[in-house]
Amino acid sequence: MNKGSHSREIPGKVTSRTLNTSLYAYFCPLCKHPRATRIRPEIGTLRHYAQVALVTAVVTCALFPWLEWKGAVSFLPLWVIFELFYRSRLRESLKCTQCGFDPVLYIKDVGLARKEVEAFWSERLKSTPEAPATKNSISSTVSS
């Protein structure tokens, strides 16, 4: 065992520095590529409320000369903005970079998710250059 490694190699177990330091590790359901995200899927934890409350306090203090204590109502629009930003970050982190699979879109519309994966692969195939023909590939096409 190497001095630098802290875990044993177990067949079938995902061992990756990214997966070990991430909060949630999983496999892509389409291509089985190991994936990881540090963003919690649940929203509305005490930490989130504290963050938005802190921003609300700053906004209320900044706008106090004009709005006085009515600036505290800014909590609601700030929460909406926070939730939209958080969900978009979560959705982007869940997308597979290897095959283009989007689990959030798959839950909403399977057909649209399939089209997105096809579009991902057609775009990826356009951007990759053609492999040069080799002797073996030419002889196999001629004999077919």
N, C-alpha and C. Protein backbone atom coordinates (compact mmCIF):
# COMPACT_ATOMS: atom_id res chain seq x y z
N MET A 1 0.84 -1.18 0.00
CA MET A 1 0.00 0.00 0.00
C MET A 1 0.88 1.24 0.00
N ASN A 2 0.56 2.19 -0.84
CA ASN A 2 1.33 3.42 -0.93
C ASN A 2 1.12 4.27 0.31
N LYS A 3 2.12 5.08 0.62
CA LYS A 3 1.99 5.97 1.76
C LYS A 3 0.93 7.04 1.51
N GLY A 4 0.78 7.47 0.27
CA GLY A 4 -0.13 8.55 -0.06
C GLY A 4 -1.58 8.13 -0.14
N SER A 5 -1.86 6.84 -0.32
CA SER A 5 -3.25 6.43 -0.46
C SER A 5 -3.82 6.06 0.89
N HIS A 6 -5.04 6.49 1.12
CA HIS A 6 -5.68 6.25 2.40
C HIS A 6 -6.74 5.15 2.31
N SER A 7 -7.04 4.69 1.11
CA SER A 7 -8.07 3.66 0.98
C SER A 7 -7.56 2.53 0.10
N ARG A 8 -8.11 1.36 0.33
CA ARG A 8 -7.74 0.21 -0.48
C ARG A 8 -8.52 0.22 -1.77
N GLU A 9 -7.95 -0.42 -2.79
CA GLU A 9 -8.65 -0.57 -4.06
C GLU A 9 -9.63 -1.73 -3.92
N ILE A 10 -10.90 -1.48 -4.04
CA ILE A 10 -11.93 -2.51 -3.96
C ILE A 10 -12.56 -2.62 -5.33
N PRO A 11 -12.59 -3.83 -5.90
CA PRO A 11 -13.19 -3.99 -7.23
C PRO A 11 -14.65 -3.53 -7.23
N GLY A 12 -15.01 -2.76 -8.22
CA GLY A 12 -16.37 -2.27 -8.36
C GLY A 12 -16.67 -1.02 -7.55
N LYS A 13 -15.76 -0.60 -6.72
CA LYS A 13 -15.98 0.61 -5.91
C LYS A 13 -15.35 1.80 -6.62
N VAL A 14 -16.03 2.91 -6.62
CA VAL A 14 -15.52 4.12 -7.25
C VAL A 14 -14.50 4.73 -6.32
N THR A 15 -13.27 4.88 -6.78
CA THR A 15 -12.25 5.54 -5.99
C THR A 15 -11.71 6.69 -6.81
N SER A 16 -12.03 7.85 -6.39
CA SER A 16 -11.62 9.04 -7.09
C SER A 16 -11.51 10.17 -6.07
N ARG A 17 -10.54 11.03 -6.25
CA ARG A 17 -10.39 12.15 -5.33
C ARG A 17 -11.62 13.06 -5.38
N THR A 18 -12.17 13.26 -6.57
CA THR A 18 -13.36 14.09 -6.71
C THR A 18 -14.54 13.47 -5.97
N LEU A 19 -14.71 12.17 -6.12
CA LEU A 19 -15.84 11.52 -5.46
C LEU A 19 -15.64 11.46 -3.96
N ASN A 20 -14.41 11.32 -3.49
CA ASN A 20 -14.17 11.26 -2.06
C ASN A 20 -14.41 12.59 -1.38
N THR A 21 -14.13 13.70 -2.06
CA THR A 21 -14.31 15.02 -1.45
C THR A 21 -15.70 15.59 -1.71
N SER A 22 -16.49 14.93 -2.54
CA SER A 22 -17.81 15.46 -2.86
C SER A 22 -18.82 15.06 -1.79
N LEU A 23 -19.93 15.75 -1.80
CA LEU A 23 -20.98 15.50 -0.85
C LEU A 23 -21.85 14.33 -1.30
N TYR A 24 -22.16 14.28 -2.59
CA TYR A 24 -23.00 13.24 -3.15
C TYR A 24 -22.29 12.62 -4.34
N ALA A 25 -22.06 11.31 -4.29
CA ALA A 25 -21.44 10.59 -5.39
C ALA A 25 -22.45 9.59 -5.94
N TYR A 26 -22.49 9.47 -7.25
CA TYR A 26 -23.45 8.58 -7.90
C TYR A 26 -22.93 8.25 -9.29
N PHE A 27 -23.63 7.38 -9.99
CA PHE A 27 -23.29 7.02 -11.35
C PHE A 27 -24.36 7.56 -12.27
N CYS A 28 -23.95 8.00 -13.45
CA CYS A 28 -24.90 8.46 -14.46
C CYS A 28 -25.76 7.25 -14.85
N PRO A 29 -27.08 7.38 -14.84
CA PRO A 29 -27.92 6.23 -15.18
C PRO A 29 -27.85 5.83 -16.65
N LEU A 30 -27.37 6.71 -17.51
CA LEU A 30 -27.31 6.40 -18.93
C LEU A 30 -25.98 5.79 -19.33
N CYS A 31 -24.87 6.40 -18.94
CA CYS A 31 -23.55 5.93 -19.38
C CYS A 31 -22.74 5.27 -18.28
N LYS A 32 -23.25 5.26 -17.06
CA LYS A 32 -22.59 4.64 -15.90
C LYS A 32 -21.27 5.30 -15.53
N HIS A 33 -21.07 6.54 -15.94
CA HIS A 33 -19.86 7.28 -15.59
C HIS A 33 -19.99 7.79 -14.16
N PRO A 34 -18.92 7.68 -13.35
CA PRO A 34 -19.03 8.20 -11.98
C PRO A 34 -19.20 9.72 -11.97
N ARG A 35 -20.17 10.18 -11.20
CA ARG A 35 -20.48 11.60 -11.13
C ARG A 35 -20.47 12.03 -9.66
N ALA A 36 -20.31 13.30 -9.42
CA ALA A 36 -20.30 13.81 -8.05
C ALA A 36 -20.74 15.27 -8.05
N THR A 37 -21.36 15.66 -6.96
CA THR A 37 -21.75 17.06 -6.78
C THR A 37 -21.60 17.43 -5.31
N ARG A 38 -21.25 18.66 -5.07
CA ARG A 38 -21.14 19.15 -3.69
C ARG A 38 -22.38 19.95 -3.29
N ILE A 39 -23.33 20.09 -4.19
CA ILE A 39 -24.53 20.86 -3.91
C ILE A 39 -25.60 19.92 -3.36
N ARG A 40 -26.17 20.29 -2.22
CA ARG A 40 -27.24 19.48 -1.62
C ARG A 40 -28.51 19.62 -2.44
N PRO A 41 -29.19 18.50 -2.73
CA PRO A 41 -30.42 18.61 -3.50
C PRO A 41 -31.58 19.24 -2.73
N GLU A 42 -31.55 19.18 -1.41
CA GLU A 42 -32.65 19.77 -0.65
C GLU A 42 -32.38 21.26 -0.45
N ILE A 43 -33.44 22.02 -0.54
CA ILE A 43 -33.34 23.45 -0.38
C ILE A 43 -34.18 23.85 0.83
N GLY A 44 -33.83 24.93 1.47
CA GLY A 44 -34.58 25.39 2.62
C GLY A 44 -34.02 24.91 3.94
N THR A 45 -32.73 24.67 3.98
CA THR A 45 -32.11 24.30 5.25
C THR A 45 -31.88 25.56 6.08
N LEU A 46 -31.52 25.37 7.32
CA LEU A 46 -31.29 26.51 8.22
C LEU A 46 -30.20 27.42 7.66
N ARG A 47 -29.19 26.83 7.04
CA ARG A 47 -28.11 27.62 6.45
C ARG A 47 -28.63 28.54 5.36
N HIS A 48 -29.52 28.03 4.52
CA HIS A 48 -30.07 28.84 3.43
C HIS A 48 -30.89 30.01 3.98
N TYR A 49 -31.73 29.72 4.99
CA TYR A 49 -32.52 30.80 5.59
C TYR A 49 -31.61 31.87 6.21
N ALA A 50 -30.53 31.42 6.84
CA ALA A 50 -29.60 32.38 7.46
C ALA A 50 -28.92 33.24 6.40
N GLN A 51 -28.55 32.64 5.28
CA GLN A 51 -27.90 33.40 4.20
C GLN A 51 -28.83 34.46 3.64
N VAL A 52 -30.06 34.08 3.35
CA VAL A 52 -31.01 35.03 2.78
C VAL A 52 -31.38 36.08 3.83
N ALA A 53 -31.49 35.70 5.09
CA ALA A 53 -31.78 36.68 6.14
C ALA A 53 -30.66 37.70 6.28
N LEU A 54 -29.42 37.25 6.15
CA LEU A 54 -28.28 38.16 6.22
C LEU A 54 -28.30 39.15 5.05
N VAL A 55 -28.58 38.66 3.86
CA VAL A 55 -28.67 39.55 2.70
C VAL A 55 -29.85 40.51 2.87
N THR A 56 -30.95 40.02 3.42
CA THR A 56 -32.11 40.88 3.67
C THR A 56 -31.75 41.99 4.65
N ALA A 57 -31.00 41.65 5.69
CA ALA A 57 -30.59 42.66 6.67
C ALA A 57 -29.71 43.72 6.02
N VAL A 58 -28.81 43.30 5.15
CA VAL A 58 -27.94 44.27 4.46
C VAL A 58 -28.77 45.16 3.54
N VAL A 59 -29.69 44.56 2.80
CA VAL A 59 -30.54 45.35 1.89
C VAL A 59 -31.42 46.31 2.68
N THR A 60 -31.98 45.83 3.80
CA THR A 60 -32.83 46.69 4.63
C THR A 60 -32.03 47.87 5.18
N CYS A 61 -30.80 47.60 5.63
CA CYS A 61 -29.96 48.69 6.14
C CYS A 61 -29.59 49.68 5.03
N ALA A 62 -29.33 49.15 3.85
CA ALA A 62 -28.94 50.02 2.74
C ALA A 62 -30.10 50.90 2.27
N LEU A 63 -31.31 50.35 2.29
CA LEU A 63 -32.48 51.08 1.82
C LEU A 63 -33.29 51.72 2.95
N PHE A 64 -32.79 51.68 4.17
CA PHE A 64 -33.53 52.19 5.32
C PHE A 64 -33.93 53.66 5.20
N PRO A 65 -33.06 54.54 4.67
CA PRO A 65 -33.49 55.95 4.56
C PRO A 65 -34.73 56.14 3.69
N TRP A 66 -34.95 55.27 2.72
CA TRP A 66 -36.10 55.42 1.82
C TRP A 66 -37.28 54.54 2.24
N LEU A 67 -37.01 53.30 2.62
CA LEU A 67 -38.10 52.36 2.90
C LEU A 67 -38.38 52.13 4.38
N GLU A 68 -37.49 52.54 5.23
CA GLU A 68 -37.55 52.29 6.67
C GLU A 68 -37.66 50.78 6.90
N TRP A 69 -38.57 50.35 7.78
CA TRP A 69 -38.64 48.92 8.10
C TRP A 69 -39.37 48.10 7.04
N LYS A 70 -39.94 48.76 6.06
CA LYS A 70 -40.61 48.03 4.98
C LYS A 70 -39.61 47.27 4.12
N GLY A 71 -38.34 47.62 4.23
CA GLY A 71 -37.30 46.90 3.48
C GLY A 71 -37.15 45.45 3.89
N ALA A 72 -37.67 45.09 5.07
CA ALA A 72 -37.59 43.70 5.53
C ALA A 72 -38.43 42.77 4.66
N VAL A 73 -39.39 43.35 3.93
CA VAL A 73 -40.21 42.56 3.03
C VAL A 73 -39.38 42.04 1.85
N SER A 74 -38.21 42.60 1.68
CA SER A 74 -37.33 42.15 0.58
C SER A 74 -36.90 40.70 0.76
N PHE A 75 -37.21 40.09 1.91
CA PHE A 75 -36.87 38.68 2.13
C PHE A 75 -37.53 37.80 1.08
N LEU A 76 -38.78 38.06 0.76
CA LEU A 76 -39.51 37.20 -0.19
C LEU A 76 -38.92 37.25 -1.60
N PRO A 77 -38.72 38.42 -2.20
CA PRO A 77 -38.10 38.41 -3.53
C PRO A 77 -36.68 37.87 -3.52
N LEU A 78 -35.94 38.14 -2.42
CA LEU A 78 -34.58 37.60 -2.34
C LEU A 78 -34.60 36.08 -2.23
N TRP A 79 -35.59 35.52 -1.54
CA TRP A 79 -35.70 34.06 -1.44
C TRP A 79 -36.00 33.47 -2.82
N VAL A 80 -36.88 34.11 -3.58
CA VAL A 80 -37.20 33.62 -4.93
C VAL A 80 -35.95 33.64 -5.81
N ILE A 81 -35.20 34.72 -5.77
CA ILE A 81 -33.96 34.82 -6.55
C ILE A 81 -32.96 33.75 -6.10
N PHE A 82 -32.83 33.57 -4.78
CA PHE A 82 -31.93 32.56 -4.26
C PHE A 82 -32.33 31.17 -4.75
N GLU A 83 -33.61 30.86 -4.68
CA GLU A 83 -34.06 29.53 -5.07
C GLU A 83 -33.86 29.28 -6.56
N LEU A 84 -34.14 30.27 -7.39
CA LEU A 84 -33.90 30.11 -8.83
C LEU A 84 -32.43 29.87 -9.13
N PHE A 85 -31.56 30.64 -8.49
CA PHE A 85 -30.12 30.49 -8.70
C PHE A 85 -29.64 29.13 -8.19
N TYR A 86 -30.12 28.72 -7.02
CA TYR A 86 -29.70 27.45 -6.42
C TYR A 86 -30.13 26.27 -7.27
N ARG A 87 -31.38 26.30 -7.72
CA ARG A 87 -31.88 25.19 -8.54
C ARG A 87 -31.18 25.12 -9.89
N SER A 88 -30.84 26.25 -10.48
CA SER A 88 -30.13 26.22 -11.76
C SER A 88 -28.71 25.67 -11.58
N ARG A 89 -28.05 26.03 -10.47
CA ARG A 89 -26.73 25.47 -10.18
C ARG A 89 -26.80 23.97 -9.94
N LEU A 90 -27.82 23.52 -9.21
CA LEU A 90 -28.00 22.10 -8.94
C LEU A 90 -28.25 21.34 -10.24
N ARG A 91 -29.13 21.87 -11.06
CA ARG A 91 -29.45 21.19 -12.32
C ARG A 91 -28.22 21.07 -13.21
N GLU A 92 -27.42 22.14 -13.27
CA GLU A 92 -26.21 22.12 -14.09
C GLU A 92 -25.19 21.13 -13.54
N SER A 93 -25.12 20.99 -12.23
CA SER A 93 -24.15 20.06 -11.65
C SER A 93 -24.58 18.61 -11.82
N LEU A 94 -25.88 18.36 -11.99
CA LEU A 94 -26.37 17.00 -12.17
C LEU A 94 -26.24 16.50 -13.60
N LYS A 95 -26.14 17.41 -14.57
CA LYS A 95 -26.00 17.01 -15.96
C LYS A 95 -24.71 16.23 -16.15
N CYS A 96 -24.78 15.16 -16.91
CA CYS A 96 -23.59 14.35 -17.18
C CYS A 96 -22.77 15.01 -18.28
N THR A 97 -21.50 15.19 -18.03
CA THR A 97 -20.63 15.81 -19.03
C THR A 97 -20.17 14.82 -20.08
N GLN A 98 -20.34 13.53 -19.82
CA GLN A 98 -19.89 12.51 -20.75
C GLN A 98 -20.94 12.16 -21.81
N CYS A 99 -22.23 12.15 -21.41
CA CYS A 99 -23.26 11.73 -22.36
C CYS A 99 -24.37 12.76 -22.55
N GLY A 100 -24.40 13.82 -21.74
CA GLY A 100 -25.39 14.87 -21.89
C GLY A 100 -26.72 14.57 -21.21
N PHE A 101 -26.79 13.54 -20.38
CA PHE A 101 -28.03 13.17 -19.70
C PHE A 101 -28.38 14.18 -18.62
N ASP A 102 -29.63 14.64 -18.62
CA ASP A 102 -30.12 15.60 -17.62
C ASP A 102 -31.24 14.93 -16.83
N PRO A 103 -30.97 14.50 -15.58
CA PRO A 103 -31.99 13.79 -14.82
C PRO A 103 -33.22 14.63 -14.49
N VAL A 104 -33.06 15.92 -14.32
CA VAL A 104 -34.21 16.79 -14.01
C VAL A 104 -35.14 16.85 -15.22
N LEU A 105 -34.59 16.99 -16.40
CA LEU A 105 -35.40 17.01 -17.61
C LEU A 105 -36.03 15.64 -17.85
N TYR A 106 -35.32 14.57 -17.52
CA TYR A 106 -35.84 13.22 -17.69
C TYR A 106 -37.08 13.00 -16.83
N ILE A 107 -37.08 13.54 -15.61
CA ILE A 107 -38.23 13.40 -14.73
C ILE A 107 -39.43 14.16 -15.30
N LYS A 108 -39.18 15.31 -15.91
CA LYS A 108 -40.27 16.13 -16.44
C LYS A 108 -40.79 15.60 -17.78
N ASP A 109 -39.88 15.28 -18.71
CA ASP A 109 -40.29 14.86 -20.06
C ASP A 109 -39.23 13.94 -20.65
N VAL A 110 -39.56 12.66 -20.76
CA VAL A 110 -38.61 11.66 -21.24
C VAL A 110 -38.24 11.91 -22.70
N GLY A 111 -39.22 12.24 -23.51
CA GLY A 111 -38.96 12.49 -24.93
C GLY A 111 -38.02 13.66 -25.15
N LEU A 112 -38.23 14.73 -24.41
CA LEU A 112 -37.36 15.90 -24.53
C LEU A 112 -35.96 15.60 -24.03
N ALA A 113 -35.85 14.80 -22.98
CA ALA A 113 -34.53 14.40 -22.47
C ALA A 113 -33.79 13.57 -23.51
N ARG A 114 -34.50 12.70 -24.19
CA ARG A 114 -33.90 11.88 -25.24
C ARG A 114 -33.39 12.77 -26.39
N LYS A 115 -34.18 13.78 -26.75
CA LYS A 115 -33.76 14.70 -27.82
C LYS A 115 -32.52 15.48 -27.40
N GLU A 116 -32.45 15.89 -26.13
CA GLU A 116 -31.28 16.62 -25.63
C GLU A 116 -30.02 15.77 -25.70
N VAL A 117 -30.14 14.48 -25.35
CA VAL A 117 -28.98 13.58 -25.42
C VAL A 117 -28.56 13.40 -26.88
N GLU A 118 -29.52 13.23 -27.78
CA GLU A 118 -29.21 13.11 -29.20
C GLU A 118 -28.54 14.37 -29.73
N ALA A 119 -29.03 15.53 -29.32
CA ALA A 119 -28.43 16.80 -29.74
C ALA A 119 -27.01 16.92 -29.19
N PHE A 120 -26.80 16.48 -27.96
CA PHE A 120 -25.47 16.51 -27.35
C PHE A 120 -24.50 15.66 -28.18
N TRP A 121 -24.94 14.45 -28.54
CA TRP A 121 -24.05 13.56 -29.29
C TRP A 121 -23.83 14.04 -30.72
N SER A 122 -24.85 14.60 -31.35
CA SER A 122 -24.65 15.11 -32.72
C SER A 122 -23.69 16.29 -32.70
N GLU A 123 -23.79 17.15 -31.69
CA GLU A 123 -22.86 18.28 -31.55
C GLU A 123 -21.45 17.80 -31.26
N ARG A 124 -21.34 16.80 -30.40
CA ARG A 124 -20.02 16.27 -30.06
C ARG A 124 -19.37 15.58 -31.26
N LEU A 125 -20.16 14.87 -32.05
CA LEU A 125 -19.60 14.19 -33.22
C LEU A 125 -19.20 15.19 -34.30
N LYS A 126 -19.90 16.33 -34.39
CA LYS A 126 -19.52 17.37 -35.34
C LYS A 126 -18.18 18.00 -34.96
N SER A 127 -17.97 18.19 -33.67
CA SER A 127 -16.77 18.90 -33.22
C SER A 127 -15.52 18.02 -33.21
N THR A 128 -15.68 16.69 -33.23
CA THR A 128 -14.50 15.83 -33.24
C THR A 128 -14.07 15.58 -34.67
N PRO A 129 -12.76 15.67 -34.96
CA PRO A 129 -12.30 15.43 -36.31
C PRO A 129 -12.39 13.94 -36.65
N GLU A 130 -12.54 13.67 -37.92
CA GLU A 130 -12.60 12.29 -38.39
C GLU A 130 -11.27 11.60 -38.15
N ALA A 131 -11.33 10.35 -37.75
CA ALA A 131 -10.11 9.58 -37.54
C ALA A 131 -9.52 9.21 -38.89
N PRO A 132 -8.20 9.28 -39.04
CA PRO A 132 -7.60 8.91 -40.31
C PRO A 132 -7.82 7.43 -40.60
N ALA A 133 -8.01 7.12 -41.84
CA ALA A 133 -8.25 5.73 -42.24
C ALA A 133 -6.97 4.93 -42.07
N THR A 134 -7.10 3.76 -41.48
CA THR A 134 -5.95 2.88 -41.31
C THR A 134 -6.07 1.70 -42.26
N LYS A 135 -5.02 0.96 -42.37
CA LYS A 135 -5.01 -0.18 -43.28
C LYS A 135 -6.04 -1.21 -42.86
N ASN A 136 -6.19 -1.47 -41.56
CA ASN A 136 -7.13 -2.45 -41.08
C ASN A 136 -8.57 -2.02 -41.33
N SER A 137 -8.88 -0.74 -41.13
CA SER A 137 -10.26 -0.29 -41.35
C SER A 137 -10.61 -0.30 -42.83
N ILE A 138 -9.64 -0.04 -43.71
CA ILE A 138 -9.89 -0.08 -45.15
C ILE A 138 -10.09 -1.51 -45.60
N SER A 139 -9.26 -2.43 -45.13
CA SER A 139 -9.39 -3.82 -45.56
C SER A 139 -10.68 -4.44 -45.03
N SER A 140 -11.16 -4.02 -43.85
CA SER A 140 -12.39 -4.59 -43.33
C SER A 140 -13.59 -4.06 -44.10
N THR A 141 -13.54 -2.82 -44.59
CA THR A 141 -14.65 -2.29 -45.36
C THR A 141 -14.67 -2.88 -46.77
N VAL A 142 -13.50 -3.19 -47.31
CA VAL A 142 -13.43 -3.77 -48.65
C VAL A 142 -13.92 -5.21 -48.63
N SER A 143 -13.59 -5.96 -47.60
CA SER A 143 -14.00 -7.35 -47.54
C SER A 143 -15.47 -7.52 -47.20
N SER A 144 -16.14 -6.46 -46.69
CA SER A 144 -17.56 -6.58 -46.32
C SER A 144 -18.45 -6.53 -47.52
